[in-house]
Amino acid sequence: MYIPLSLLSLQQKNLTSSEHNLLNAICIRANQENEYSYSIAALCMDTSLDRKTVIATLEKLCLKKLIRNTGKMTGKTRSIIVYEITIN
């Protein structure tokens, strides 16, 4: 858990409840390089959102430039997208 990111995520305005919930979950699990690389299933468990909502909300957070796809993939089958948190 990286505390500064979690505190910054709480200060974000103009987010829907699902966006805010997902951003908080991502920030809590982010590493020191502000990267998040857990599965969609892990996000579903953390946020109690369904898979479709998590995927749509990740896209919205990318459009709002709060996170970005680094282009890296991780996991045993290289199917987990690595996101960078870009909160200022």
PDB file of N, CA and C in Angstrom:
ATOM      1  N   MET A   1       0.847  -1.181   0.000  1.00  0.00           N
ATOM      2  CA  MET A   1       0.000   0.000   0.000  1.00  0.00           C
ATOM      3  C   MET A   1       0.891   1.242   0.000  1.00  0.00           C
ATOM      4  N   TYR A   2       0.602   2.152  -0.902  1.00  0.00           N
ATOM      5  CA  TYR A   2       1.369   3.378  -1.015  1.00  0.00           C
ATOM      6  C   TYR A   2       0.487   4.533  -0.554  1.00  0.00           C
ATOM      7  N   ILE A   3       0.730   5.026   0.660  1.00  0.00           N
ATOM      8  CA  ILE A   3      -0.141   5.981   1.339  1.00  0.00           C
ATOM      9  C   ILE A   3      -0.330   7.297   0.584  1.00  0.00           C
ATOM     10  N   PRO A   4       0.717   7.953   0.061  1.00  0.00           N
ATOM     11  CA  PRO A   4       0.489   9.230  -0.632  1.00  0.00           C
ATOM     12  C   PRO A   4      -0.520   9.130  -1.778  1.00  0.00           C
ATOM     13  N   LEU A   5      -0.486   8.051  -2.527  1.00  0.00           N
ATOM     14  CA  LEU A   5      -1.448   7.881  -3.618  1.00  0.00           C
ATOM     15  C   LEU A   5      -2.860   7.728  -3.084  1.00  0.00           C
ATOM     16  N   SER A   6      -3.003   6.994  -2.000  1.00  0.00           N
ATOM     17  CA  SER A   6      -4.332   6.805  -1.411  1.00  0.00           C
ATOM     18  C   SER A   6      -4.910   8.126  -0.950  1.00  0.00           C
ATOM     19  N   LEU A   7      -4.081   8.964  -0.358  1.00  0.00           N
ATOM     20  CA  LEU A   7      -4.555  10.270   0.096  1.00  0.00           C
ATOM     21  C   LEU A   7      -4.930  11.163  -1.085  1.00  0.00           C
ATOM     22  N   LEU A   8      -4.141  11.117  -2.151  1.00  0.00           N
ATOM     23  CA  LEU A   8      -4.459  11.906  -3.342  1.00  0.00           C
ATOM     24  C   LEU A   8      -5.742  11.418  -4.006  1.00  0.00           C
ATOM     25  N   SER A   9      -5.969  10.126  -3.999  1.00  0.00           N
ATOM     26  CA  SER A   9      -7.181   9.598  -4.634  1.00  0.00           C
ATOM     27  C   SER A   9      -8.434  10.055  -3.889  1.00  0.00           C
ATOM     28  N   LEU A  10      -8.317  10.217  -2.580  1.00  0.00           N
ATOM     29  CA  LEU A  10      -9.467  10.686  -1.799  1.00  0.00           C
ATOM     30  C   LEU A  10      -9.822  12.136  -2.102  1.00  0.00           C
ATOM     31  N   GLN A  11      -8.874  12.901  -2.603  1.00  0.00           N
ATOM     32  CA  GLN A  11      -9.089  14.320  -2.881  1.00  0.00           C
ATOM     33  C   GLN A  11      -9.650  14.594  -4.270  1.00  0.00           C
ATOM     34  N   GLN A  12      -9.785  13.575  -5.099  1.00  0.00           N
ATOM     35  CA  GLN A  12     -10.256  13.759  -6.471  1.00  0.00           C
ATOM     36  C   GLN A  12     -11.736  14.148  -6.500  1.00  0.00           C
ATOM     37  N   LYS A  13     -12.063  15.096  -7.327  1.00  0.00           N
ATOM     38  CA  LYS A  13     -13.442  15.577  -7.484  1.00  0.00           C
ATOM     39  C   LYS A  13     -13.984  15.146  -8.838  1.00  0.00           C
ATOM     40  N   ASN A  14     -15.272  15.305  -9.031  1.00  0.00           N
ATOM     41  CA  ASN A  14     -15.955  15.013 -10.297  1.00  0.00           C
ATOM     42  C   ASN A  14     -15.801  13.567 -10.757  1.00  0.00           C
ATOM     43  N   LEU A  15     -15.857  12.634  -9.808  1.00  0.00           N
ATOM     44  CA  LEU A  15     -15.818  11.219 -10.138  1.00  0.00           C
ATOM     45  C   LEU A  15     -17.121  10.572  -9.695  1.00  0.00           C
ATOM     46  N   THR A  16     -17.573   9.592 -10.445  1.00  0.00           N
ATOM     47  CA  THR A  16     -18.733   8.821 -10.004  1.00  0.00           C
ATOM     48  C   THR A  16     -18.295   7.928  -8.851  1.00  0.00           C
ATOM     49  N   SER A  17     -19.258   7.349  -8.170  1.00  0.00           N
ATOM     50  CA  SER A  17     -18.907   6.510  -7.028  1.00  0.00           C
ATOM     51  C   SER A  17     -18.096   5.289  -7.461  1.00  0.00           C
ATOM     52  N   SER A  18     -18.425   4.697  -8.598  1.00  0.00           N
ATOM     53  CA  SER A  18     -17.652   3.540  -9.053  1.00  0.00           C
ATOM     54  C   SER A  18     -16.230   3.944  -9.458  1.00  0.00           C
ATOM     55  N   GLU A  19     -16.074   5.119 -10.071  1.00  0.00           N
ATOM     56  CA  GLU A  19     -14.736   5.606 -10.428  1.00  0.00           C
ATOM     57  C   GLU A  19     -13.909   5.860  -9.173  1.00  0.00           C
ATOM     58  N   HIS A  20     -14.525   6.471  -8.195  1.00  0.00           N
ATOM     59  CA  HIS A  20     -13.828   6.788  -6.948  1.00  0.00           C
ATOM     60  C   HIS A  20     -13.443   5.499  -6.223  1.00  0.00           C
ATOM     61  N   ASN A  21     -14.359   4.570  -6.153  1.00  0.00           N
ATOM     62  CA  ASN A  21     -14.116   3.292  -5.497  1.00  0.00           C
ATOM     63  C   ASN A  21     -12.976   2.535  -6.169  1.00  0.00           C
ATOM     64  N   LEU A  22     -12.999   2.473  -7.478  1.00  0.00           N
ATOM     65  CA  LEU A  22     -11.968   1.760  -8.231  1.00  0.00           C
ATOM     66  C   LEU A  22     -10.615   2.460  -8.121  1.00  0.00           C
ATOM     67  N   LEU A  23     -10.593   3.778  -8.206  1.00  0.00           N
ATOM     68  CA  LEU A  23      -9.341   4.524  -8.088  1.00  0.00           C
ATOM     69  C   LEU A  23      -8.718   4.307  -6.712  1.00  0.00           C
ATOM     70  N   ASN A  24      -9.529   4.310  -5.667  1.00  0.00           N
ATOM     71  CA  ASN A  24      -9.008   4.051  -4.322  1.00  0.00           C
ATOM     72  C   ASN A  24      -8.403   2.656  -4.232  1.00  0.00           C
ATOM     73  N   ALA A  25      -9.083   1.663  -4.783  1.00  0.00           N
ATOM     74  CA  ALA A  25      -8.585   0.283  -4.749  1.00  0.00           C
ATOM     75  C   ALA A  25      -7.257   0.170  -5.502  1.00  0.00           C
ATOM     76  N   ILE A  26      -7.154   0.838  -6.643  1.00  0.00           N
ATOM     77  CA  ILE A  26      -5.917   0.805  -7.426  1.00  0.00           C
ATOM     78  C   ILE A  26      -4.784   1.477  -6.653  1.00  0.00           C
ATOM     79  N   CYS A  27      -5.057   2.609  -6.055  1.00  0.00           N
ATOM     80  CA  CYS A  27      -4.023   3.342  -5.317  1.00  0.00           C
ATOM     81  C   CYS A  27      -3.550   2.572  -4.088  1.00  0.00           C
ATOM     82  N   ILE A  28      -4.454   1.863  -3.447  1.00  0.00           N
ATOM     83  CA  ILE A  28      -4.073   1.083  -2.270  1.00  0.00           C
ATOM     84  C   ILE A  28      -3.103  -0.032  -2.649  1.00  0.00           C
ATOM     85  N   ARG A  29      -3.295  -0.653  -3.800  1.00  0.00           N
ATOM     86  CA  ARG A  29      -2.448  -1.770  -4.225  1.00  0.00           C
ATOM     87  C   ARG A  29      -1.261  -1.355  -5.095  1.00  0.00           C
ATOM     88  N   ALA A  30      -1.100  -0.088  -5.371  1.00  0.00           N
ATOM     89  CA  ALA A  30      -0.010   0.367  -6.244  1.00  0.00           C
ATOM     90  C   ALA A  30       1.350   0.196  -5.570  1.00  0.00           C
ATOM     91  N   ASN A  31       2.378   0.034  -6.397  1.00  0.00           N
ATOM     92  CA  ASN A  31       3.737  -0.075  -5.862  1.00  0.00           C
ATOM     93  C   ASN A  31       4.386   1.311  -5.777  1.00  0.00           C
ATOM     94  N   GLN A  32       5.649   1.353  -5.396  1.00  0.00           N
ATOM     95  CA  GLN A  32       6.360   2.621  -5.218  1.00  0.00           C
ATOM     96  C   GLN A  32       6.535   3.398  -6.522  1.00  0.00           C
ATOM     97  N   GLU A  33       6.462   2.708  -7.665  1.00  0.00           N
ATOM     98  CA  GLU A  33       6.593   3.364  -8.969  1.00  0.00           C
ATOM     99  C   GLU A  33       5.243   3.833  -9.502  1.00  0.00           C
ATOM    100  N   ASN A  34       4.222   3.844  -8.655  1.00  0.00           N
ATOM    101  CA  ASN A  34       2.860   4.252  -9.030  1.00  0.00           C
ATOM    102  C   ASN A  34       2.263   3.337 -10.088  1.00  0.00           C
ATOM    103  N   GLU A  35       2.638   2.069 -10.070  1.00  0.00           N
ATOM    104  CA  GLU A  35       2.095   1.118 -11.034  1.00  0.00           C
ATOM    105  C   GLU A  35       1.187   0.115 -10.343  1.00  0.00           C
ATOM    106  N   TYR A  36       0.144  -0.278 -11.053  1.00  0.00           N
ATOM    107  CA  TYR A  36      -0.829  -1.251 -10.567  1.00  0.00           C
ATOM    108  C   TYR A  36      -0.890  -2.394 -11.569  1.00  0.00           C
ATOM    109  N   SER A  37      -0.722  -3.630 -11.092  1.00  0.00           N
ATOM    110  CA  SER A  37      -0.721  -4.757 -12.025  1.00  0.00           C
ATOM    111  C   SER A  37      -1.424  -5.974 -11.442  1.00  0.00           C
ATOM    112  N   TYR A  38      -2.647  -5.796 -11.006  1.00  0.00           N
ATOM    113  CA  TYR A  38      -3.450  -6.908 -10.514  1.00  0.00           C
ATOM    114  C   TYR A  38      -4.564  -7.188 -11.515  1.00  0.00           C
ATOM    115  N   SER A  39      -5.157  -8.336 -11.403  1.00  0.00           N
ATOM    116  CA  SER A  39      -6.168  -8.762 -12.363  1.00  0.00           C
ATOM    117  C   SER A  39      -7.492  -8.025 -12.189  1.00  0.00           C
ATOM    118  N   ILE A  40      -8.322  -8.109 -13.208  1.00  0.00           N
ATOM    119  CA  ILE A  40      -9.678  -7.571 -13.152  1.00  0.00           C
ATOM    120  C   ILE A  40     -10.447  -8.267 -12.023  1.00  0.00           C
ATOM    121  N   ALA A  41     -10.223  -9.565 -11.860  1.00  0.00           N
ATOM    122  CA  ALA A  41     -10.891 -10.318 -10.797  1.00  0.00           C
ATOM    123  C   ALA A  41     -10.527  -9.768  -9.413  1.00  0.00           C
ATOM    124  N   ALA A  42      -9.266  -9.369  -9.222  1.00  0.00           N
ATOM    125  CA  ALA A  42      -8.852  -8.782  -7.941  1.00  0.00           C
ATOM    126  C   ALA A  42      -9.560  -7.454  -7.705  1.00  0.00           C
ATOM    127  N   LEU A  43      -9.696  -6.649  -8.761  1.00  0.00           N
ATOM    128  CA  LEU A  43     -10.422  -5.387  -8.627  1.00  0.00           C
ATOM    129  C   LEU A  43     -11.893  -5.631  -8.310  1.00  0.00           C
ATOM    130  N   CYS A  44     -12.481  -6.631  -8.925  1.00  0.00           N
ATOM    131  CA  CYS A  44     -13.881  -6.980  -8.642  1.00  0.00           C
ATOM    132  C   CYS A  44     -14.048  -7.359  -7.178  1.00  0.00           C
ATOM    133  N   MET A  45     -13.118  -8.135  -6.651  1.00  0.00           N
ATOM    134  CA  MET A  45     -13.181  -8.543  -5.247  1.00  0.00           C
ATOM    135  C   MET A  45     -13.000  -7.340  -4.314  1.00  0.00           C
ATOM    136  N   ASP A  46     -12.065  -6.461  -4.649  1.00  0.00           N
ATOM    137  CA  ASP A  46     -11.775  -5.302  -3.798  1.00  0.00           C
ATOM    138  C   ASP A  46     -12.918  -4.295  -3.769  1.00  0.00           C
ATOM    139  N   THR A  47     -13.613  -4.144  -4.885  1.00  0.00           N
ATOM    140  CA  THR A  47     -14.596  -3.068  -5.008  1.00  0.00           C
ATOM    141  C   THR A  47     -16.052  -3.519  -4.979  1.00  0.00           C
ATOM    142  N   SER A  48     -16.276  -4.824  -5.079  1.00  0.00           N
ATOM    143  CA  SER A  48     -17.639  -5.386  -5.164  1.00  0.00           C
ATOM    144  C   SER A  48     -18.371  -4.935  -6.423  1.00  0.00           C
ATOM    145  N   LEU A  49     -17.623  -4.569  -7.436  1.00  0.00           N
ATOM    146  CA  LEU A  49     -18.197  -4.222  -8.729  1.00  0.00           C
ATOM    147  C   LEU A  49     -18.099  -5.438  -9.645  1.00  0.00           C
ATOM    148  N   ASP A  50     -19.002  -5.529 -10.615  1.00  0.00           N
ATOM    149  CA  ASP A  50     -18.902  -6.658 -11.543  1.00  0.00           C
ATOM    150  C   ASP A  50     -17.836  -6.369 -12.611  1.00  0.00           C
ATOM    151  N   ARG A  51     -17.465  -7.411 -13.328  1.00  0.00           N
ATOM    152  CA  ARG A  51     -16.378  -7.333 -14.309  1.00  0.00           C
ATOM    153  C   ARG A  51     -16.625  -6.264 -15.372  1.00  0.00           C
ATOM    154  N   LYS A  52     -17.837  -6.222 -15.901  1.00  0.00           N
ATOM    155  CA  LYS A  52     -18.174  -5.260 -16.946  1.00  0.00           C
ATOM    156  C   LYS A  52     -18.017  -3.821 -16.436  1.00  0.00           C
ATOM    157  N   THR A  53     -18.455  -3.566 -15.209  1.00  0.00           N
ATOM    158  CA  THR A  53     -18.343  -2.231 -14.621  1.00  0.00           C
ATOM    159  C   THR A  53     -16.888  -1.860 -14.387  1.00  0.00           C
ATOM    160  N   VAL A  54     -16.093  -2.798 -13.907  1.00  0.00           N
ATOM    161  CA  VAL A  54     -14.669  -2.533 -13.664  1.00  0.00           C
ATOM    162  C   VAL A  54     -13.958  -2.164 -14.964  1.00  0.00           C
ATOM    163  N   ILE A  55     -14.205  -2.919 -16.017  1.00  0.00           N
ATOM    164  CA  ILE A  55     -13.553  -2.642 -17.304  1.00  0.00           C
ATOM    165  C   ILE A  55     -13.980  -1.279 -17.849  1.00  0.00           C
ATOM    166  N   ALA A  56     -15.269  -0.976 -17.787  1.00  0.00           N
ATOM    167  CA  ALA A  56     -15.768   0.324 -18.271  1.00  0.00           C
ATOM    168  C   ALA A  56     -15.205   1.467 -17.431  1.00  0.00           C
ATOM    169  N   THR A  57     -15.106   1.262 -16.130  1.00  0.00           N
ATOM    170  CA  THR A  57     -14.597   2.312 -15.243  1.00  0.00           C
ATOM    171  C   THR A  57     -13.108   2.527 -15.443  1.00  0.00           C
ATOM    172  N   LEU A  58     -12.354   1.468 -15.698  1.00  0.00           N
ATOM    173  CA  LEU A  58     -10.929   1.632 -16.014  1.00  0.00           C
ATOM    174  C   LEU A  58     -10.749   2.497 -17.262  1.00  0.00           C
ATOM    175  N   GLU A  59     -11.584   2.278 -18.258  1.00  0.00           N
ATOM    176  CA  GLU A  59     -11.517   3.083 -19.480  1.00  0.00           C
ATOM    177  C   GLU A  59     -11.833   4.551 -19.180  1.00  0.00           C
ATOM    178  N   LYS A  60     -12.832   4.794 -18.327  1.00  0.00           N
ATOM    179  CA  LYS A  60     -13.186   6.172 -17.966  1.00  0.00           C
ATOM    180  C   LYS A  60     -12.055   6.847 -17.207  1.00  0.00           C
ATOM    181  N   LEU A  61     -11.404   6.119 -16.298  1.00  0.00           N
ATOM    182  CA  LEU A  61     -10.282   6.694 -15.558  1.00  0.00           C
ATOM    183  C   LEU A  61      -9.114   7.008 -16.492  1.00  0.00           C
ATOM    184  N   CYS A  62      -8.929   6.180 -17.517  1.00  0.00           N
ATOM    185  CA  CYS A  62      -7.890   6.465 -18.524  1.00  0.00           C
ATOM    186  C   CYS A  62      -8.237   7.724 -19.314  1.00  0.00           C
ATOM    187  N   LEU A  63      -9.500   7.869 -19.693  1.00  0.00           N
ATOM    188  CA  LEU A  63      -9.926   9.059 -20.436  1.00  0.00           C
ATOM    189  C   LEU A  63      -9.784  10.330 -19.608  1.00  0.00           C
ATOM    190  N   LYS A  64      -9.978  10.214 -18.293  1.00  0.00           N
ATOM    191  CA  LYS A  64      -9.824  11.362 -17.391  1.00  0.00           C
ATOM    192  C   LYS A  64      -8.367  11.587 -17.001  1.00  0.00           C
ATOM    193  N   LYS A  65      -7.478  10.745 -17.549  1.00  0.00           N
ATOM    194  CA  LYS A  65      -6.036  10.848 -17.348  1.00  0.00           C
ATOM    195  C   LYS A  65      -5.624  10.709 -15.882  1.00  0.00           C
ATOM    196  N   LEU A  66      -6.369   9.894 -15.146  1.00  0.00           N
ATOM    197  CA  LEU A  66      -5.994   9.584 -13.766  1.00  0.00           C
ATOM    198  C   LEU A  66      -5.119   8.330 -13.711  1.00  0.00           C
ATOM    199  N   ILE A  67      -5.287   7.467 -14.701  1.00  0.00           N
ATOM    200  CA  ILE A  67      -4.418   6.306 -14.873  1.00  0.00           C
ATOM    201  C   ILE A  67      -4.095   6.194 -16.358  1.00  0.00           C
ATOM    202  N   ARG A  68      -3.039   5.447 -16.672  1.00  0.00           N
ATOM    203  CA  ARG A  68      -2.729   5.211 -18.077  1.00  0.00           C
ATOM    204  C   ARG A  68      -2.177   3.805 -18.245  1.00  0.00           C
ATOM    205  N   ASN A  69      -2.459   3.235 -19.377  1.00  0.00           N
ATOM    206  CA  ASN A  69      -1.950   1.925 -19.741  1.00  0.00           C
ATOM    207  C   ASN A  69      -0.494   2.089 -20.123  1.00  0.00           C
ATOM    208  N   THR A  70       0.406   1.380 -19.444  1.00  0.00           N
ATOM    209  CA  THR A  70       1.838   1.524 -19.718  1.00  0.00           C
ATOM    210  C   THR A  70       2.266   0.756 -20.969  1.00  0.00           C
ATOM    211  N   GLY A  71       1.398  -0.132 -21.450  1.00  0.00           N
ATOM    212  CA  GLY A  71       1.755  -0.971 -22.577  1.00  0.00           C
ATOM    213  C   GLY A  71       2.426  -2.264 -22.148  1.00  0.00           C
ATOM    214  N   LYS A  72       2.737  -2.381 -20.858  1.00  0.00           N
ATOM    215  CA  LYS A  72       3.343  -3.600 -20.327  1.00  0.00           C
ATOM    216  C   LYS A  72       2.242  -4.577 -19.928  1.00  0.00           C
ATOM    217  N   MET A  73       2.562  -5.842 -20.018  1.00  0.00           N
ATOM    218  CA  MET A  73       1.662  -6.906 -19.577  1.00  0.00           C
ATOM    219  C   MET A  73       2.423  -7.770 -18.578  1.00  0.00           C
ATOM    220  N   THR A  74       1.690  -8.289 -17.591  1.00  0.00           N
ATOM    221  CA  THR A  74       2.329  -9.111 -16.570  1.00  0.00           C
ATOM    222  C   THR A  74       1.470 -10.335 -16.295  1.00  0.00           C
ATOM    223  N   GLY A  75       1.927 -11.149 -15.401  1.00  0.00           N
ATOM    224  CA  GLY A  75       1.204 -12.367 -15.070  1.00  0.00           C
ATOM    225  C   GLY A  75       1.784 -13.562 -15.788  1.00  0.00           C
ATOM    226  N   LYS A  76       1.327 -14.730 -15.391  1.00  0.00           N
ATOM    227  CA  LYS A  76       1.842 -15.980 -15.955  1.00  0.00           C
ATOM    228  C   LYS A  76       1.644 -16.057 -17.466  1.00  0.00           C
ATOM    229  N   THR A  77       0.493 -15.570 -17.949  1.00  0.00           N
ATOM    230  CA  THR A  77       0.195 -15.624 -19.389  1.00  0.00           C
ATOM    231  C   THR A  77       0.312 -14.257 -20.062  1.00  0.00           C
ATOM    232  N   ARG A  78       0.887 -13.295 -19.349  1.00  0.00           N
ATOM    233  CA  ARG A  78       1.030 -11.926 -19.876  1.00  0.00           C
ATOM    234  C   ARG A  78      -0.303 -11.337 -20.322  1.00  0.00           C
ATOM    235  N   SER A  79      -1.331 -11.534 -19.490  1.00  0.00           N
ATOM    236  CA  SER A  79      -2.658 -11.038 -19.843  1.00  0.00           C
ATOM    237  C   SER A  79      -3.156  -9.936 -18.903  1.00  0.00           C
ATOM    238  N   ILE A  80      -2.331  -9.547 -17.931  1.00  0.00           N
ATOM    239  CA  ILE A  80      -2.729  -8.498 -16.983  1.00  0.00           C
ATOM    240  C   ILE A  80      -2.061  -7.192 -17.386  1.00  0.00           C
ATOM    241  N   ILE A  81      -2.872  -6.184 -17.630  1.00  0.00           N
ATOM    242  CA  ILE A  81      -2.376  -4.869 -18.051  1.00  0.00           C
ATOM    243  C   ILE A  81      -1.773  -4.150 -16.850  1.00  0.00           C
ATOM    244  N   VAL A  82      -0.635  -3.497 -17.060  1.00  0.00           N
ATOM    245  CA  VAL A  82      -0.009  -2.680 -16.024  1.00  0.00           C
ATOM    246  C   VAL A  82      -0.442  -1.237 -16.245  1.00  0.00           C
ATOM    247  N   TYR A  83      -1.071  -0.641 -15.219  1.00  0.00           N
ATOM    248  CA  TYR A  83      -1.509   0.745 -15.279  1.00  0.00           C
ATOM    249  C   TYR A  83      -0.592   1.611 -14.417  1.00  0.00           C
ATOM    250  N   GLU A  84      -0.353   2.827 -14.857  1.00  0.00           N
ATOM    251  CA  GLU A  84       0.378   3.802 -14.069  1.00  0.00           C
ATOM    252  C   GLU A  84      -0.607   4.837 -13.547  1.00  0.00           C
ATOM    253  N   ILE A  85      -0.520   5.146 -12.278  1.00  0.00           N
ATOM    254  CA  ILE A  85      -1.401   6.153 -11.695  1.00  0.00           C
ATOM    255  C   ILE A  85      -0.752   7.515 -11.933  1.00  0.00           C
ATOM    256  N   THR A  86      -1.523   8.427 -12.533  1.00  0.00           N
ATOM    257  CA  THR A  86      -0.962   9.727 -12.925  1.00  0.00           C
ATOM    258  C   THR A  86      -1.612  10.880 -12.182  1.00  0.00           C
ATOM    259  N   ILE A  87      -2.053  10.626 -10.959  1.00  0.00           N
ATOM    260  CA  ILE A  87      -2.660  11.683 -10.145  1.00  0.00           C
ATOM    261  C   ILE A  87      -1.576  12.674  -9.756  1.00  0.00           C
ATOM    262  N   ASN A  88      -1.890  13.960  -9.865  1.00  0.00           N
ATOM    263  CA  ASN A  88      -0.919  15.000  -9.475  1.00  0.00           C
ATOM    264  C   ASN A  88      -1.204  15.480  -8.074  1.00  0.00           C
TER     265      ASN A  88
END
